[in-house]
Amino acid sequence: MLGDRPGQPEFVTLSTDGGALVGVTTEEFEVWLIAVDGLEQRQENSRAV
């Protein structure tokens, strides 16, 4: 089981090298997948601003 509600997975995971992130959530009758690649570069860019 992933999350508190069976059949409705919710989780976030980070790649072993820290460069990519994937999240999954559910909303009513939909499943949302969110993927972020180049995470380290995004963090560096946000610090530079």
N, C-alpha and C. Protein backbone atom coordinates (compact mmCIF):
# COMPACT_ATOMS: atom_id res chain seq x y z
N MET A 1 0.85 -1.18 0.00
CA MET A 1 0.00 0.00 0.00
C MET A 1 0.89 1.24 0.00
N LEU A 2 0.56 2.18 -0.86
CA LEU A 2 1.28 3.45 -0.94
C LEU A 2 0.36 4.57 -0.49
N GLY A 3 0.51 4.99 0.74
CA GLY A 3 -0.35 6.03 1.27
C GLY A 3 -1.40 5.46 2.22
N ASP A 4 -2.23 6.36 2.73
CA ASP A 4 -3.24 5.98 3.72
C ASP A 4 -4.48 5.34 3.13
N ARG A 5 -4.74 5.59 1.86
CA ARG A 5 -5.98 5.12 1.25
C ARG A 5 -5.68 4.05 0.20
N PRO A 6 -6.12 2.83 0.38
CA PRO A 6 -5.88 1.76 -0.60
C PRO A 6 -6.43 2.15 -1.97
N GLY A 7 -5.64 1.89 -3.03
CA GLY A 7 -6.05 2.22 -4.39
C GLY A 7 -5.82 3.65 -4.78
N GLN A 8 -5.29 4.45 -3.87
CA GLN A 8 -5.01 5.86 -4.15
C GLN A 8 -3.57 6.18 -3.71
N PRO A 9 -2.59 5.80 -4.55
CA PRO A 9 -1.19 5.97 -4.15
C PRO A 9 -0.77 7.44 -4.05
N GLU A 10 0.08 7.73 -3.09
CA GLU A 10 0.68 9.05 -2.95
C GLU A 10 2.09 8.87 -2.42
N PHE A 11 3.06 9.35 -3.20
CA PHE A 11 4.44 9.28 -2.74
C PHE A 11 5.32 10.24 -3.54
N VAL A 12 6.49 10.51 -3.00
CA VAL A 12 7.54 11.28 -3.67
C VAL A 12 8.82 10.50 -3.51
N THR A 13 9.61 10.41 -4.59
CA THR A 13 10.88 9.69 -4.52
C THR A 13 11.95 10.48 -5.26
N LEU A 14 13.16 10.36 -4.80
CA LEU A 14 14.31 11.06 -5.36
C LEU A 14 15.29 10.03 -5.91
N SER A 15 15.88 10.31 -7.07
CA SER A 15 16.87 9.39 -7.63
C SER A 15 18.09 9.32 -6.73
N THR A 16 18.84 8.25 -6.85
CA THR A 16 20.00 8.05 -5.97
C THR A 16 21.06 9.13 -6.16
N ASP A 17 21.15 9.71 -7.35
CA ASP A 17 22.14 10.78 -7.55
C ASP A 17 21.59 12.16 -7.26
N GLY A 18 20.31 12.25 -6.87
CA GLY A 18 19.69 13.53 -6.51
C GLY A 18 19.33 14.39 -7.70
N GLY A 19 19.38 13.85 -8.90
CA GLY A 19 19.14 14.65 -10.10
C GLY A 19 17.71 14.65 -10.59
N ALA A 20 16.87 13.75 -10.10
CA ALA A 20 15.49 13.68 -10.58
C ALA A 20 14.55 13.33 -9.43
N LEU A 21 13.33 13.82 -9.55
CA LEU A 21 12.33 13.61 -8.52
C LEU A 21 11.03 13.20 -9.20
N VAL A 22 10.31 12.24 -8.61
CA VAL A 22 9.01 11.80 -9.13
C VAL A 22 8.02 11.80 -7.98
N GLY A 23 6.84 12.35 -8.22
CA GLY A 23 5.78 12.35 -7.24
C GLY A 23 4.50 11.82 -7.85
N VAL A 24 3.68 11.16 -7.06
CA VAL A 24 2.39 10.62 -7.51
C VAL A 24 1.34 11.01 -6.48
N THR A 25 0.20 11.45 -6.96
CA THR A 25 -0.92 11.75 -6.09
C THR A 25 -2.22 11.44 -6.83
N THR A 26 -3.30 11.37 -6.11
CA THR A 26 -4.61 11.10 -6.72
C THR A 26 -5.56 12.22 -6.37
N GLU A 27 -6.52 12.42 -7.28
CA GLU A 27 -7.55 13.43 -7.06
C GLU A 27 -8.83 12.92 -7.68
N GLU A 28 -9.78 12.59 -6.88
CA GLU A 28 -11.07 12.04 -7.29
C GLU A 28 -10.87 10.85 -8.23
N PHE A 29 -11.02 11.02 -9.55
CA PHE A 29 -10.89 9.90 -10.48
C PHE A 29 -9.62 10.00 -11.33
N GLU A 30 -8.63 10.77 -10.90
CA GLU A 30 -7.41 10.98 -11.67
C GLU A 30 -6.19 10.61 -10.85
N VAL A 31 -5.14 10.20 -11.55
CA VAL A 31 -3.83 9.97 -10.93
C VAL A 31 -2.87 10.94 -11.59
N TRP A 32 -2.15 11.70 -10.77
CA TRP A 32 -1.20 12.70 -11.27
C TRP A 32 0.23 12.19 -11.05
N LEU A 33 1.03 12.24 -12.10
CA LEU A 33 2.46 11.93 -12.03
C LEU A 33 3.23 13.21 -12.31
N ILE A 34 4.13 13.55 -11.42
CA ILE A 34 4.95 14.75 -11.58
C ILE A 34 6.41 14.31 -11.60
N ALA A 35 7.13 14.66 -12.65
CA ALA A 35 8.54 14.30 -12.77
C ALA A 35 9.36 15.57 -13.00
N VAL A 36 10.46 15.69 -12.27
CA VAL A 36 11.36 16.83 -12.41
C VAL A 36 12.75 16.29 -12.67
N ASP A 37 13.32 16.65 -13.80
CA ASP A 37 14.67 16.25 -14.16
C ASP A 37 15.59 17.47 -14.04
N GLY A 38 16.87 17.25 -13.85
CA GLY A 38 17.80 18.36 -13.72
C GLY A 38 17.59 19.13 -12.43
N LEU A 39 17.26 18.42 -11.37
CA LEU A 39 16.93 19.04 -10.09
C LEU A 39 18.09 19.86 -9.53
N GLU A 40 19.29 19.35 -9.63
CA GLU A 40 20.45 20.08 -9.10
C GLU A 40 20.63 21.41 -9.81
N GLN A 41 20.48 21.43 -11.13
CA GLN A 41 20.62 22.67 -11.90
C GLN A 41 19.53 23.66 -11.52
N ARG A 42 18.31 23.17 -11.33
CA ARG A 42 17.21 24.05 -10.92
C ARG A 42 17.50 24.68 -9.55
N GLN A 43 18.06 23.90 -8.63
CA GLN A 43 18.38 24.42 -7.30
C GLN A 43 19.47 25.49 -7.40
N GLU A 44 20.49 25.23 -8.21
CA GLU A 44 21.56 26.22 -8.40
C GLU A 44 21.01 27.51 -8.99
N ASN A 45 20.13 27.40 -9.98
CA ASN A 45 19.54 28.58 -10.62
C ASN A 45 18.70 29.37 -9.62
N SER A 46 17.96 28.71 -8.74
CA SER A 46 17.14 29.43 -7.79
C SER A 46 17.98 30.14 -6.73
N ARG A 47 19.14 29.58 -6.42
CA ARG A 47 20.03 30.24 -5.45
C ARG A 47 20.69 31.47 -6.06
N ALA A 48 20.89 31.47 -7.38
CA ALA A 48 21.56 32.57 -8.05
C ALA A 48 20.68 33.79 -8.20
N VAL A 49 19.38 33.62 -8.03
CA VAL A 49 18.43 34.73 -8.22
C VAL A 49 18.38 35.60 -7.01
